[in-house]
């Protein structure tokens, strides 16, 4: 028997550079020039944009 969640995932399609699967879910691409975590997320610190999400505050 097919689960509703599985059916919904089968209907969703990747659009390279716009919607892509990351960590098992379809996510909006924030910056297609980047790779990995940074492709789907922006990280800001107190002073503005920060490329390093592991930076301490």
C-alpha atoms as a PDB file:
ATOM      1  CA  UNK A   1       0.000   0.000   0.000  1.00  0.00           C
ATOM      2  CA  UNK A   2       1.347   3.427  -0.933  1.00  0.00           C
ATOM      3  CA  UNK A   3       1.527   6.167   1.653  1.00  0.00           C
ATOM      4  CA  UNK A   4       0.070   9.614   0.765  1.00  0.00           C
ATOM      5  CA  UNK A   5       3.425  11.215   1.573  1.00  0.00           C
ATOM      6  CA  UNK A   6       5.135   8.976  -1.001  1.00  0.00           C
ATOM      7  CA  UNK A   7       2.593   9.942  -3.669  1.00  0.00           C
ATOM      8  CA  UNK A   8       3.178  13.636  -2.972  1.00  0.00           C
ATOM      9  CA  UNK A   9       6.929  13.197  -3.261  1.00  0.00           C
ATOM     10  CA  UNK A  10       6.554  11.395  -6.586  1.00  0.00           C
ATOM     11  CA  UNK A  11       4.533  14.341  -7.965  1.00  0.00           C
ATOM     12  CA  UNK A  12       7.177  16.878  -6.927  1.00  0.00           C
ATOM     13  CA  UNK A  13       9.937  17.318  -9.483  1.00  0.00           C
ATOM     14  CA  UNK A  14      13.328  18.901  -9.317  1.00  0.00           C
ATOM     15  CA  UNK A  15      13.953  22.032 -11.346  1.00  0.00           C
ATOM     16  CA  UNK A  16      17.741  22.405 -11.586  1.00  0.00           C
ATOM     17  CA  UNK A  17      18.831  25.737 -10.122  1.00  0.00           C
ATOM     18  CA  UNK A  18      15.390  26.424  -8.589  1.00  0.00           C
ATOM     19  CA  UNK A  19      14.067  23.369  -6.701  1.00  0.00           C
ATOM     20  CA  UNK A  20      16.394  20.509  -5.791  1.00  0.00           C
ATOM     21  CA  UNK A  21      16.514  17.665  -3.297  1.00  0.00           C
ATOM     22  CA  UNK A  22      18.817  18.265  -0.319  1.00  0.00           C
ATOM     23  CA  UNK A  23      18.841  16.194   2.879  1.00  0.00           C
ATOM     24  CA  UNK A  24      15.901  14.136   1.615  1.00  0.00           C
ATOM     25  CA  UNK A  25      13.537  17.035   0.881  1.00  0.00           C
ATOM     26  CA  UNK A  26      12.764  19.237  -2.058  1.00  0.00           C
ATOM     27  CA  UNK A  27      14.131  22.690  -1.263  1.00  0.00           C
ATOM     28  CA  UNK A  28      14.317  26.087  -2.938  1.00  0.00           C
ATOM     29  CA  UNK A  29      17.799  26.946  -4.235  1.00  0.00           C
ATOM     30  CA  UNK A  30      18.969  30.266  -2.784  1.00  0.00           C
ATOM     31  CA  UNK A  31      22.282  30.571  -4.664  1.00  0.00           C
ATOM     32  CA  UNK A  32      22.811  28.157  -7.571  1.00  0.00           C
ATOM     33  CA  UNK A  33      26.501  29.142  -7.884  1.00  0.00           C
ATOM     34  CA  UNK A  34      27.270  27.492  -4.544  1.00  0.00           C
ATOM     35  CA  UNK A  35      27.279  23.859  -3.459  1.00  0.00           C
ATOM     36  CA  UNK A  36      26.147  21.908  -0.418  1.00  0.00           C
ATOM     37  CA  UNK A  37      24.457  23.664   2.521  1.00  0.00           C
ATOM     38  CA  UNK A  38      25.225  27.130   1.121  1.00  0.00           C
ATOM     39  CA  UNK A  39      23.232  26.393  -2.057  1.00  0.00           C
ATOM     40  CA  UNK A  40      20.008  26.259  -0.009  1.00  0.00           C
ATOM     41  CA  UNK A  41      20.685  28.588   2.941  1.00  0.00           C
ATOM     42  CA  UNK A  42      21.957  32.058   3.663  1.00  0.00           C
ATOM     43  CA  UNK A  43      23.785  32.714   6.894  1.00  0.00           C
ATOM     44  CA  UNK A  44      23.844  36.147   8.417  1.00  0.00           C
ATOM     45  CA  UNK A  45      25.758  37.325  11.458  1.00  0.00           C
ATOM     46  CA  UNK A  46      25.373  40.583  13.390  1.00  0.00           C
ATOM     47  CA  UNK A  47      27.357  42.590  10.834  1.00  0.00           C
ATOM     48  CA  UNK A  48      25.862  41.154   7.644  1.00  0.00           C
ATOM     49  CA  UNK A  49      26.496  38.143   5.468  1.00  0.00           C
ATOM     50  CA  UNK A  50      28.773  35.414   6.777  1.00  0.00           C
ATOM     51  CA  UNK A  51      29.968  32.516   4.591  1.00  0.00           C
ATOM     52  CA  UNK A  52      30.907  30.345   7.557  1.00  0.00           C
ATOM     53  CA  UNK A  53      27.890  28.874   9.428  1.00  0.00           C
ATOM     54  CA  UNK A  54      30.221  27.462  12.087  1.00  0.00           C
ATOM     55  CA  UNK A  55      31.503  30.895  13.084  1.00  0.00           C
ATOM     56  CA  UNK A  56      31.069  31.654  16.761  1.00  0.00           C
ATOM     57  CA  UNK A  57      29.233  34.693  17.991  1.00  0.00           C
END
